[in-house]
C-alpha cells in the first residue's frame, strides 16, 4: 500500500469520515500490518478525546467501535477477582486491584444497562508469605458460582491456583467465564511437550466447553524467547536451570531448557530448589563448580527467589548472567535481593511501565494516572488487570444481559482489541491471546528498566 494511501486513510480516520472498525477493515485489506493498524487506532483513540466527554485516554482502548453506556436501569452485575493481596504479594496484587478499580471507574462502573459492582478477593495466606493457598482459591471460586449476580471471575495471578478455579467454574450450567491477567502456564490452555502434564488442558474443562481466557502471552513464548536471547544474542552456551517447583516455575524453566538445548546450548543442570531453605550457598557453590555462563530461574517472588539471587551473586561473578522469568518482574523481588539485583535480566510478556510512558498514548496515560493513585510506579502486570476489565466491560456491553452463557460467548469472542501497549490482540480458540510480544528488562540502580522486545 502506498504511503500516500495510508496517510489518506489515517486522515479520514482522524477526521471521523470513517469509523475505527471500517479503518481496520480497509487497512487490513490493503496490506497494512496488524501492528501498524493497532498503533494508528491507539493514536486515534487518544486524539479522539474531547473536553466535553472527558474520557481518559486509557479508556479508549478495546474493540474498535465499542461505545459504552452508563445506564444502570437493568440492575446489578457482580464481578469478583481472586489473587494474593498481602505479604510479598501486596504490591503485585494491590496494584492489580487499583488498576482494575480505575478501569471500572473509567467506564462509569456500568455496562450493558447494568451497574457493575467489583469485589476483590484474596486467595493468599500469611503462612505462605502472602502466596496463594488451595483452600482459599476453592472458597473464592465457590463464592463466585453461588452468587447469582456474579457473571464471571477475574483471576488468578498464579497458574497453580487457576488449576483449581477453572474446573469449579467450568462445571456450572452454563460454565462461568474466568479471565486471567497473569497466568502463563501453557497447560491451562494447550499441551506443550516437555512443559505440560498428562491430560492437560482437557482435565480442566469437564463440561467440554472452554470458559477460560488470559490476556498475557503464555510461557511457551516467554521461555523460548529467553533461551533464544541468551544463546543467539548473548552467546551463552552453558546454562544451569532452577525453578521453584511450582506449576508456573517448572513450566517456564522447562521451555527455556528445551529451547536452549535445541539451539545447541548445553544444560549443565536442571532442578527445583527448596523454597523454605535459609540459604543457597551450598547449592550455588555446586553450580559454580560446573562453570555455567548463565543461570536461569523460573519462579515467583514469594518463593524465596530474592535469596536465590543474593546467594548466586555471593558465589558467582558478574560474568555469569542471571535471567529470570516474569514472576520476578516486580519491585518486591528487586528490593528483596538488594544490591545483588542490579544487573539481573528479567523477561515479561509485554512492556514495563517505563516503556509505556516512553510510548505515550493510552498506555502512557494509564501509567501516569495509576501512578498518581498508587504513589509509586505500578507493577508491570497491572496493565493487564486494566485490560482485563476493559474486555469484561465490553463483553457485558455487547451481551446486554446478565446471562453467564451470553457473556462468556462475547468475552471469548474478543478480537482486534487495541491494547495499552500499542498493538492489537484477539483470543484464539484456546482462550489465549495471539500477542507474542516479550519484553526484556534489566535491573539498573535498583529499578526494573526496559531494554528491548525480544519477540
Foldseek 3Di string as FASTA:
>chain_A
DDPVVLVVLLVCDLVVVDFLVVSVVVCVVVPNDQLVSLQSQLQSLQSVDDPVVPQFLLLSFWATPDDFDLAAQVEEAEEEEEEFCDFLCVQVVVLLVLLLVVLCVSRNCDFLNRRYHYDYAHQADVVLRRHGDQVSLLVVLVVQVPDLRYQAYEDDQEQLSCLRNQLSQLPDVNRGAYEYLHYAQVQCQDDDPQQDDPPGPVVSRVVPDDRYAYAFYHLLLVLLLVLCCCCPVVVFAEEEEEEQPGSQFSRNRRSNVVNNVVVPHHYPYYYYDDLPDPACLVVLQVVVVSPGQEYEYRYAQSSNVLRVLLNNCVRDPLSRAYEYEPSCQFLSSLVSNDPSQAFHKYKGRADALVVLCVVDGSLVSSQVVSCVVVVHGGRRSSQSSSVVSSLQSSLCNVLSDSDNVSSSVSSQQGFQTSGSRSGGWHQDPRNYTPDSWMWMWGQHPSDTGTDDTSD
